[in-house]
């Protein structure tokens, strides 16, 4: 079940319910684009009509950021809990050998995605990684990449680009990928490979993961998190007052 929030929608399933839903999507094999919401993406959607239309057309929209859970409480939307994209990614990969799911890893630098493959093969015996591809390519190469993914007969495609590139790319090629579940996972490959660190669990639980990311790269992230968070809060208060 989904509810309107900040000119888009959010599904209110719990983490476990979302995993069950994604498993049903894979079994059905009808192409589905999964997307998550955070404050940054909501801000982008206020100025990018195409991105908003893409997100709103997705079959599954989860509350990735603590900011979305907070906004939902302010606006009376019954979101059960945060459903972080990286946690969904990890759980789907963990389940893949048991379920017989074939996965494809697409994104990040070549050395990073190769390292992620090595880690998964070592950690999850029996897992089938049907293919990998780095995330640096020209638009002219997209057709060939789509063909390679389609030929891999994968069940899940994880796309590790930043927003809105991953949403655009998946939406454009979804029906040609021959993959029932296409999921954008942002910087998750870098975290798995140890290139960047995720916040400690106590910070995650207190909604401070954004702050941990900010203090690691303040010069690069100040606009997204300081300016962006202020803009997001203003959007929430504006909607609450209407």
Protein backbone atom coordinates (compact mmCIF):
# COMPACT_ATOMS: atom_id res chain seq x y z
CA UNK A 1 0.00 0.00 0.00
CA UNK A 2 1.28 3.48 -0.82
CA UNK A 3 0.52 7.00 0.32
CA UNK A 4 1.12 10.41 -1.26
CA UNK A 5 3.97 12.43 0.21
CA UNK A 6 5.75 15.56 -1.03
CA UNK A 7 4.51 15.31 -4.64
CA UNK A 8 5.36 11.62 -4.87
CA UNK A 9 4.39 8.39 -3.12
CA UNK A 10 5.87 6.02 -0.57
CA UNK A 11 5.06 2.39 0.13
CA UNK A 12 4.51 1.61 3.79
CA UNK A 13 5.64 -2.02 3.89
CA UNK A 14 8.18 -3.05 6.51
CA UNK A 15 11.63 -4.29 5.52
CA UNK A 16 10.58 -7.95 5.71
CA UNK A 17 7.38 -7.28 3.79
CA UNK A 18 9.39 -5.51 1.09
CA UNK A 19 11.74 -8.48 0.73
CA UNK A 20 8.72 -10.76 0.35
CA UNK A 21 7.23 -8.42 -2.25
CA UNK A 22 10.49 -8.28 -4.22
CA UNK A 23 10.68 -12.07 -4.17
CA UNK A 24 7.19 -12.21 -5.69
CA UNK A 25 8.28 -9.73 -8.37
CA UNK A 26 11.23 -11.93 -9.33
CA UNK A 27 9.02 -15.00 -9.48
CA UNK A 28 6.48 -13.25 -11.71
CA UNK A 29 9.23 -12.03 -14.09
CA UNK A 30 7.40 -8.90 -15.20
CA UNK A 31 9.99 -6.06 -15.36
CA UNK A 32 9.80 -3.81 -12.30
CA UNK A 33 11.89 -0.78 -11.36
CA UNK A 34 12.53 -0.37 -7.65
CA UNK A 35 13.35 3.05 -6.24
CA UNK A 36 14.06 4.53 -2.81
CA UNK A 37 13.35 8.00 -1.46
CA UNK A 38 15.61 10.27 0.55
CA UNK A 39 15.71 14.01 1.10
CA UNK A 40 18.12 14.61 -1.76
CA UNK A 41 15.93 12.80 -4.27
CA UNK A 42 12.81 14.65 -3.10
CA UNK A 43 14.68 17.92 -3.63
CA UNK A 44 15.75 16.87 -7.12
CA UNK A 45 12.17 15.94 -7.99
CA UNK A 46 10.93 19.44 -7.19
CA UNK A 47 12.92 20.77 -10.14
CA UNK A 48 13.06 17.71 -12.40
CA UNK A 49 9.63 16.80 -13.75
CA UNK A 50 10.96 13.80 -15.67
CA UNK A 51 12.54 12.33 -12.55
CA UNK A 52 9.30 12.84 -10.66
CA UNK A 53 7.34 11.01 -13.36
CA UNK A 54 9.84 8.14 -13.36
CA UNK A 55 9.78 7.73 -9.58
CA UNK A 56 6.00 7.94 -9.45
CA UNK A 57 5.72 5.24 -12.13
CA UNK A 58 7.84 2.76 -10.17
CA UNK A 59 6.06 -0.29 -8.78
CA UNK A 60 7.91 -0.16 -5.45
CA UNK A 61 8.97 3.05 -3.67
CA UNK A 62 10.64 2.67 -0.27
CA UNK A 63 11.55 5.18 2.44
CA UNK A 64 15.34 4.92 2.31
CA UNK A 65 16.29 7.95 4.36
CA UNK A 66 15.53 8.72 8.00
CA UNK A 67 14.43 12.08 6.61
CA UNK A 68 11.52 10.40 4.80
CA UNK A 69 10.45 8.55 7.96
CA UNK A 70 10.55 11.85 9.86
CA UNK A 71 8.57 13.62 7.13
CA UNK A 72 6.00 10.82 7.09
CA UNK A 73 5.39 11.28 10.83
CA UNK A 74 4.95 15.03 10.37
CA UNK A 75 2.49 14.49 7.52
CA UNK A 76 0.50 11.62 9.00
CA UNK A 77 1.76 8.97 6.58
CA UNK A 78 1.90 5.54 8.32
CA UNK A 79 5.39 4.45 7.22
CA UNK A 80 6.31 1.48 9.41
CA UNK A 81 10.08 1.85 9.32
CA UNK A 82 13.03 2.93 7.27
CA UNK A 83 13.74 0.49 4.42
CA UNK A 84 17.27 1.37 3.36
CA UNK A 85 18.32 0.50 -0.18
CA UNK A 86 21.71 -0.85 0.89
CA UNK A 87 20.05 -3.16 3.42
CA UNK A 88 17.66 -4.47 0.77
CA UNK A 89 20.64 -4.98 -1.53
CA UNK A 90 22.56 -6.97 1.07
CA UNK A 91 19.56 -9.11 1.99
CA UNK A 92 18.67 -9.92 -1.61
CA UNK A 93 22.27 -10.95 -2.28
CA UNK A 94 22.27 -13.10 0.87
CA UNK A 95 19.10 -14.84 -0.27
CA UNK A 96 20.25 -15.30 -3.87
CA UNK A 97 21.98 -18.72 -3.47
CA UNK A 98 19.04 -20.14 -1.50
CA UNK A 99 16.46 -18.84 -3.99
CA UNK A 100 18.51 -19.60 -7.10
CA UNK A 101 18.51 -15.94 -8.18
CA UNK A 102 21.08 -14.84 -10.74
CA UNK A 103 22.40 -11.32 -10.09
CA UNK A 104 24.09 -8.73 -12.28
CA UNK A 105 26.29 -5.97 -10.85
CA UNK A 106 26.43 -2.76 -12.90
CA UNK A 107 28.13 0.42 -11.79
CA UNK A 108 31.06 2.02 -9.96
CA UNK A 109 34.68 1.77 -11.13
CA UNK A 110 35.85 -1.46 -12.74
CA UNK A 111 38.10 -2.35 -9.82
CA UNK A 112 35.29 -1.71 -7.35
CA UNK A 113 32.66 -3.89 -9.04
CA UNK A 114 35.26 -6.66 -9.49
CA UNK A 115 36.03 -6.50 -5.77
CA UNK A 116 32.33 -6.64 -4.92
CA UNK A 117 32.02 -9.80 -7.03
CA UNK A 118 34.98 -11.37 -5.22
CA UNK A 119 33.49 -10.54 -1.82
CA UNK A 120 30.09 -11.99 -2.69
CA UNK A 121 31.56 -15.18 -4.19
CA UNK A 122 33.59 -15.74 -1.05
CA UNK A 123 30.83 -14.82 1.40
CA UNK A 124 27.91 -16.61 -0.27
CA UNK A 125 28.90 -20.06 -1.64
CA UNK A 126 26.72 -21.07 -4.55
CA UNK A 127 25.78 -17.53 -5.55
CA UNK A 128 25.50 -16.99 -9.30
CA UNK A 129 26.80 -13.63 -10.45
CA UNK A 130 25.65 -13.65 -14.06
CA UNK A 131 27.70 -10.61 -15.04
CA UNK A 132 29.39 -7.39 -13.99
CA UNK A 133 30.02 -4.09 -15.75
CA UNK A 134 31.67 -0.88 -14.57
CA UNK A 135 29.53 2.23 -14.53
CA UNK A 136 31.66 4.47 -16.75
CA UNK A 137 30.46 4.35 -20.34
CA UNK A 138 29.21 6.54 -23.17
CA UNK A 139 25.56 6.72 -24.13
CA UNK A 140 26.47 5.05 -27.41
CA UNK A 141 27.48 1.94 -25.43
CA UNK A 142 24.11 1.60 -23.68
CA UNK A 143 22.61 -0.61 -26.38
CA UNK A 144 25.46 -3.10 -26.14
CA UNK A 145 25.30 -3.08 -22.34
CA UNK A 146 21.54 -3.73 -22.41
CA UNK A 147 22.09 -6.66 -24.78
CA UNK A 148 24.74 -8.14 -22.48
CA UNK A 149 22.47 -7.87 -19.46
CA UNK A 150 19.53 -9.34 -21.35
CA UNK A 151 21.65 -12.28 -22.51
CA UNK A 152 22.76 -13.01 -18.93
CA UNK A 153 19.28 -14.19 -17.95
CA UNK A 154 19.62 -12.42 -14.61
CA UNK A 155 16.88 -12.19 -11.99
CA UNK A 156 18.12 -9.01 -10.31
CA UNK A 157 20.05 -6.09 -11.77
CA UNK A 158 21.76 -3.83 -9.23
CA UNK A 159 22.67 -0.45 -10.72
CA UNK A 160 25.22 1.55 -8.74
CA UNK A 161 24.95 5.04 -10.24
CA UNK A 162 24.11 8.29 -8.53
CA UNK A 163 20.70 9.94 -8.85
CA UNK A 164 19.11 10.81 -11.17
CA UNK A 165 21.28 8.90 -13.67
CA UNK A 166 20.30 5.47 -12.35
CA UNK A 167 16.58 6.28 -12.40
CA UNK A 168 16.80 7.60 -15.98
CA UNK A 169 18.86 4.66 -17.25
CA UNK A 170 16.75 1.92 -15.72
CA UNK A 171 13.50 3.56 -16.82
CA UNK A 172 14.74 3.98 -20.39
CA UNK A 173 15.90 0.39 -20.80
CA UNK A 174 13.69 -1.56 -18.38
CA UNK A 175 11.63 -3.42 -20.95
CA UNK A 176 14.71 -4.55 -22.91
CA UNK A 177 16.81 -5.81 -20.01
CA UNK A 178 15.11 -9.19 -19.59
CA UNK A 179 15.40 -8.75 -15.81
CA UNK A 180 12.35 -8.88 -13.53
CA UNK A 181 13.84 -6.63 -10.85
CA UNK A 182 16.05 -3.62 -11.61
CA UNK A 183 17.18 -1.79 -8.50
CA UNK A 184 19.28 1.35 -8.14
CA UNK A 185 21.73 1.04 -5.25
CA UNK A 186 23.70 4.29 -5.47
CA UNK A 187 27.07 4.08 -3.73
CA UNK A 188 26.49 0.63 -2.22
CA UNK A 189 29.26 -1.04 -4.25
CA UNK A 190 31.80 1.39 -2.79
CA UNK A 191 30.61 0.50 0.72
CA UNK A 192 30.76 -3.26 0.10
CA UNK A 193 34.24 -2.93 -1.45
CA UNK A 194 35.48 -0.89 1.51
CA UNK A 195 36.07 2.29 -0.50
CA UNK A 196 33.72 4.27 1.73
CA UNK A 197 32.49 3.51 5.23
CA UNK A 198 28.91 3.27 6.38
CA UNK A 199 27.86 4.90 9.63
CA UNK A 200 27.93 2.80 12.81
CA UNK A 201 24.64 1.10 13.65
CA UNK A 202 23.89 3.49 16.52
CA UNK A 203 24.08 6.44 14.12
CA UNK A 204 21.89 4.64 11.58
CA UNK A 205 19.24 4.02 14.24
CA UNK A 206 19.28 7.68 15.30
CA UNK A 207 18.93 9.02 11.76
CA UNK A 208 22.49 10.35 11.66
CA UNK A 209 23.83 8.41 8.71
CA UNK A 210 23.75 11.58 6.61
CA UNK A 211 25.96 13.34 9.18
CA UNK A 212 28.50 10.51 9.12
CA UNK A 213 28.66 10.79 5.34
CA UNK A 214 29.02 14.56 5.59
CA UNK A 215 31.97 14.49 8.01
CA UNK A 216 33.81 12.06 5.70
CA UNK A 217 33.55 14.41 2.70
CA UNK A 218 32.44 17.85 3.95
CA UNK A 219 33.60 19.81 0.91
CA UNK A 220 31.75 17.55 -1.51
CA UNK A 221 28.67 16.92 0.62
CA UNK A 222 27.94 20.26 2.32
CA UNK A 223 25.52 21.42 -0.35
CA UNK A 224 23.60 18.14 -0.45
CA UNK A 225 23.28 17.78 3.31
CA UNK A 226 23.37 21.28 4.80
CA UNK A 227 21.60 23.27 2.09
CA UNK A 228 19.59 20.24 0.94
CA UNK A 229 18.33 19.30 4.40
CA UNK A 230 17.18 22.87 5.05
CA UNK A 231 15.32 22.87 1.73
CA UNK A 232 13.73 19.52 2.55
CA UNK A 233 12.52 20.62 5.99
CA UNK A 234 11.00 23.71 4.41
CA UNK A 235 9.12 21.50 1.91
CA UNK A 236 7.75 19.36 4.74
CA UNK A 237 6.54 22.35 6.77
CA UNK A 238 4.97 23.88 3.68
CA UNK A 239 3.02 20.70 2.94
CA UNK A 240 2.03 20.31 6.58
CA UNK A 241 0.58 23.82 6.67
CA UNK A 242 -1.52 23.38 3.53
